[in-house]
Amino acid sequence: MNNITKRILTSIILLLIIYLSIINSLILLTFLFIITLSAIKEFNLIFKSIFNNNFFLIFISNLLSVFYISIFLIIIWINLNSSNTEKIVSIIFILFICILTDVGGLIFGKLIGGKKLSKISPNKTYAGMIGSFLLSLIFGYLFFYFQKNTLNFELNVFLIIITLSLLSQLGDLTISLFKRKANFKDTGSILPGHGGILDRIDGILLAIPFGAILISL
């Protein structure tokens, strides 16, 4: 089984788990618990490699990462475990934009290729970046259109989509920078075709907390 096939199958399983988490709070709690433990473990390994076992720097870095991940997961829990349909759909909307950003970057990057976007992540290209925005704008707006009775945004929806996609890409690049500093290819191996938990949630780590604030404006 090649890497693309593994990636697709893993993505389907993750989407199924996300769907089940939306309709069942116990599955959601279990899923978030697994994400928390895995993300903290992966961050710890990265920081140990970056800071060469300097206890103080590793401790501070882990403390900050635990604090941020806690905020990230609390926002997801509060919104998805809510009886408020708008909160649930808003988080799904942010997740959807992040997925579209990832898929758009992968498809356009592979099909068109071209100039590299950054030395931080050699696989990312300008074509992939444009594809991320393009796919997010097209299908993100369709999602909004069919849910416009639920989603009441004060800001322009296109501005929100572009910002969310940008946040997702910045989150991806941030984790890529950490991996580059630590000399890691992937943050782990728990997700076939993707790598570790941080490899999969890198975009939403930044997009969900700041996206939730943006949408609430």
Protein backbone atom coordinates (compact mmCIF):
# COMPACT_ATOMS: atom_id res chain seq x y z
CA MET A 1 0.00 0.00 0.00
CA ASN A 2 1.55 3.31 -1.09
CA ASN A 3 1.68 6.44 1.04
CA ILE A 4 -1.16 8.23 -0.77
CA THR A 5 -3.51 5.27 -0.22
CA LYS A 6 -2.55 5.13 3.46
CA ARG A 7 -3.15 8.87 3.74
CA ILE A 8 -6.61 8.62 2.17
CA LEU A 9 -7.69 5.66 4.32
CA THR A 10 -6.42 7.33 7.49
CA SER A 11 -8.26 10.55 6.56
CA ILE A 12 -11.52 8.63 6.04
CA ILE A 13 -11.18 6.97 9.45
CA LEU A 14 -10.41 10.33 11.09
CA LEU A 15 -13.45 11.94 9.44
CA LEU A 16 -15.62 9.08 10.71
CA ILE A 17 -14.26 9.56 14.24
CA ILE A 18 -14.90 13.31 14.00
CA TYR A 19 -18.48 12.64 12.89
CA LEU A 20 -19.04 10.20 15.77
CA SER A 21 -17.48 12.71 18.16
CA ILE A 22 -19.98 15.36 17.08
CA ILE A 23 -22.95 13.12 17.87
CA ASN A 24 -21.55 11.40 20.98
CA SER A 25 -19.90 13.32 23.84
CA LEU A 26 -18.15 10.22 25.26
CA ILE A 27 -16.42 9.51 21.94
CA LEU A 28 -15.52 13.21 21.71
CA LEU A 29 -13.99 13.16 25.20
CA THR A 30 -12.02 9.99 24.44
CA PHE A 31 -10.82 11.38 21.10
CA LEU A 32 -9.69 14.66 22.68
CA PHE A 33 -7.91 12.76 25.48
CA ILE A 34 -5.94 10.71 22.95
CA ILE A 35 -5.07 13.85 20.96
CA THR A 36 -3.91 15.60 24.14
CA LEU A 37 -1.60 12.81 25.29
CA SER A 38 -0.17 12.23 21.81
CA ALA A 39 0.39 15.94 21.08
CA ILE A 40 2.10 16.56 24.44
CA LYS A 41 4.33 13.51 23.93
CA GLU A 42 5.30 14.63 20.40
CA PHE A 43 5.99 18.21 21.52
CA ASN A 44 8.18 16.88 24.32
CA LEU A 45 10.26 14.79 21.89
CA ILE A 46 10.65 17.78 19.57
CA PHE A 47 11.73 20.12 22.36
CA LYS A 48 14.19 17.56 23.73
CA SER A 49 15.83 17.38 20.32
CA ILE A 50 15.82 21.15 19.73
CA PHE A 51 17.15 22.13 23.16
CA ASN A 52 19.59 19.24 23.57
CA ASN A 53 18.11 18.07 26.88
CA ASN A 54 18.33 21.54 28.48
CA PHE A 55 15.86 20.90 31.32
CA PHE A 56 14.78 24.52 31.84
CA LEU A 57 14.05 25.28 28.16
CA ILE A 58 12.30 21.93 27.67
CA PHE A 59 10.18 22.50 30.78
CA ILE A 60 9.12 26.02 29.75
CA SER A 61 8.41 24.92 26.17
CA ASN A 62 6.33 21.95 27.34
CA LEU A 63 4.46 24.16 29.80
CA LEU A 64 3.55 26.61 27.05
CA SER A 65 2.53 23.83 24.66
CA VAL A 66 0.33 22.16 27.31
CA PHE A 67 -1.31 25.53 28.05
CA TYR A 68 -1.99 26.20 24.37
CA ILE A 69 -3.23 22.68 23.62
CA SER A 70 -5.55 22.90 26.65
CA ILE A 71 -7.11 26.10 25.29
CA PHE A 72 -7.38 24.51 21.84
CA LEU A 73 -9.14 21.40 23.18
CA ILE A 74 -11.40 23.31 25.58
CA ILE A 75 -12.68 25.42 22.68
CA ILE A 76 -13.44 22.27 20.69
CA TRP A 77 -15.14 20.58 23.67
CA ILE A 78 -17.28 23.61 24.58
CA ASN A 79 -18.45 24.13 21.01
CA LEU A 80 -18.99 20.52 19.89
CA ASN A 81 -20.58 19.50 23.19
CA SER A 82 -22.93 22.46 23.07
CA SER A 83 -26.67 22.44 22.49
CA ASN A 84 -26.16 25.56 20.38
CA THR A 85 -26.28 24.54 16.71
CA GLU A 86 -24.44 27.66 15.60
CA LYS A 87 -21.42 26.83 17.79
CA ILE A 88 -21.28 23.26 16.48
CA VAL A 89 -21.58 24.31 12.83
CA SER A 90 -18.99 27.09 13.33
CA ILE A 91 -16.35 24.62 14.54
CA ILE A 92 -17.23 22.22 11.71
CA PHE A 93 -16.87 25.17 9.31
CA ILE A 94 -13.36 25.94 10.63
CA LEU A 95 -12.36 22.27 10.41
CA PHE A 96 -13.74 22.12 6.87
CA ILE A 97 -11.67 25.12 5.79
CA CYS A 98 -8.54 23.52 7.30
CA ILE A 99 -9.21 20.27 5.43
CA LEU A 100 -9.80 22.15 2.17
CA THR A 101 -6.57 24.09 2.75
CA ASP A 102 -4.64 20.87 3.21
CA VAL A 103 -6.25 19.12 0.23
CA GLY A 104 -5.90 22.16 -2.05
CA GLY A 105 -2.22 22.50 -1.18
CA LEU A 106 -1.60 18.81 -1.79
CA ILE A 107 -3.45 18.61 -5.13
CA PHE A 108 -2.15 21.86 -6.67
CA GLY A 109 1.32 21.28 -5.28
CA LYS A 110 1.53 17.81 -6.82
CA LEU A 111 -0.12 18.66 -10.14
CA ILE A 112 1.55 22.02 -10.82
CA GLY A 113 4.65 22.03 -8.64
CA GLY A 114 6.80 25.07 -9.33
CA LYS A 115 8.71 27.41 -7.06
CA LYS A 116 9.10 26.37 -3.43
CA LEU A 117 7.26 28.48 -0.88
CA SER A 118 9.81 28.26 1.92
CA LYS A 119 12.93 26.42 3.05
CA ILE A 120 11.05 25.56 6.24
CA SER A 121 8.91 23.03 4.36
CA PRO A 122 10.49 22.07 1.00
CA ASN A 123 7.37 20.24 -0.23
CA LYS A 124 5.22 23.38 -0.15
CA THR A 125 4.98 25.51 -3.29
CA TYR A 126 3.34 28.77 -4.34
CA ALA A 127 0.98 26.74 -6.52
CA GLY A 128 -0.01 24.72 -3.47
CA MET A 129 -0.62 27.90 -1.47
CA ILE A 130 -2.87 29.30 -4.21
CA GLY A 131 -4.67 25.95 -4.41
CA SER A 132 -5.25 26.05 -0.65
CA PHE A 133 -6.93 29.45 -0.86
CA LEU A 134 -8.85 28.59 -4.03
CA LEU A 135 -10.36 25.33 -2.80
CA SER A 136 -11.17 26.91 0.57
CA LEU A 137 -12.95 29.86 -1.05
CA ILE A 138 -15.02 27.75 -3.46
CA PHE A 139 -16.19 24.96 -1.19
CA GLY A 140 -16.03 27.02 2.00
CA TYR A 141 -18.48 29.48 0.51
CA LEU A 142 -20.77 26.62 -0.62
CA PHE A 143 -20.75 25.31 2.96
CA PHE A 144 -21.62 28.77 4.23
CA TYR A 145 -24.34 29.22 1.59
CA PHE A 146 -26.14 26.05 2.61
CA GLN A 147 -25.72 26.87 6.31
CA LYS A 148 -26.32 30.63 6.14
CA ASN A 149 -29.43 30.34 8.31
CA THR A 150 -27.22 28.90 11.05
CA LEU A 151 -23.96 30.79 10.54
CA ASN A 152 -24.42 34.45 11.37
CA PHE A 153 -21.08 36.11 10.60
CA GLU A 154 -20.65 39.82 11.18
CA LEU A 155 -17.52 39.86 9.02
CA ASN A 156 -17.48 39.12 5.29
CA VAL A 157 -17.45 35.36 4.74
CA PHE A 158 -14.69 35.54 2.11
CA LEU A 159 -12.47 37.45 4.52
CA ILE A 160 -13.14 34.82 7.18
CA ILE A 161 -12.33 31.95 4.80
CA ILE A 162 -9.08 33.55 3.60
CA THR A 163 -8.03 34.26 7.20
CA LEU A 164 -8.83 30.72 8.34
CA SER A 165 -6.93 29.22 5.41
CA LEU A 166 -3.97 31.50 6.13
CA LEU A 167 -4.01 30.52 9.82
CA SER A 168 -4.11 26.86 8.84
CA GLN A 169 -1.12 27.28 6.53
CA LEU A 170 0.81 29.22 9.19
CA GLY A 171 0.08 26.47 11.71
CA ASP A 172 1.41 23.92 9.24
CA LEU A 173 4.57 25.96 8.68
CA THR A 174 5.07 26.43 12.44
CA ILE A 175 5.10 22.69 13.12
CA SER A 176 7.30 22.22 10.03
CA LEU A 177 9.75 24.73 11.53
CA PHE A 178 9.80 22.79 14.81
CA LYS A 179 10.42 19.56 12.91
CA ARG A 180 13.19 21.14 10.88
CA LYS A 181 14.90 22.45 14.03
CA ALA A 182 14.55 19.02 15.67
CA ASN A 183 15.66 17.25 12.47
CA PHE A 184 12.42 15.21 12.41
CA LYS A 185 10.68 14.08 9.23
CA ASP A 186 7.41 13.46 11.09
CA THR A 187 6.33 14.17 14.66
CA GLY A 188 5.35 10.51 15.11
CA SER A 189 3.98 7.44 13.38
CA ILE A 190 0.56 6.95 14.95
CA LEU A 191 -1.30 7.97 11.75
CA PRO A 192 -0.31 5.93 8.66
CA GLY A 193 0.42 8.19 5.70
CA HIS A 194 0.38 11.31 7.85
CA GLY A 195 2.89 10.73 10.63
CA GLY A 196 2.08 11.93 14.12
CA ILE A 197 -0.85 13.75 15.67
CA LEU A 198 0.88 17.12 15.26
CA ASP A 199 1.45 16.36 11.58
CA ARG A 200 -2.31 16.06 11.23
CA ILE A 201 -3.58 18.84 13.49
CA ASP A 202 -0.85 21.40 12.73
CA GLY A 203 -3.20 23.65 10.73
CA ILE A 204 -6.18 23.47 13.08
CA LEU A 205 -3.98 24.09 16.13
CA LEU A 206 -3.75 27.71 15.04
CA ALA A 207 -6.99 28.04 13.07
CA ILE A 208 -9.49 26.88 15.70
CA PRO A 209 -8.59 29.17 18.65
CA PHE A 210 -8.09 32.28 16.52
CA GLY A 211 -10.85 31.29 14.12
CA ALA A 212 -13.33 30.94 16.98
CA ILE A 213 -12.46 34.48 18.10
CA LEU A 214 -12.77 35.79 14.52
CA ILE A 215 -16.16 34.20 13.95
CA SER A 216 -17.48 35.52 17.28
CA LEU A 217 -16.68 39.15 16.33
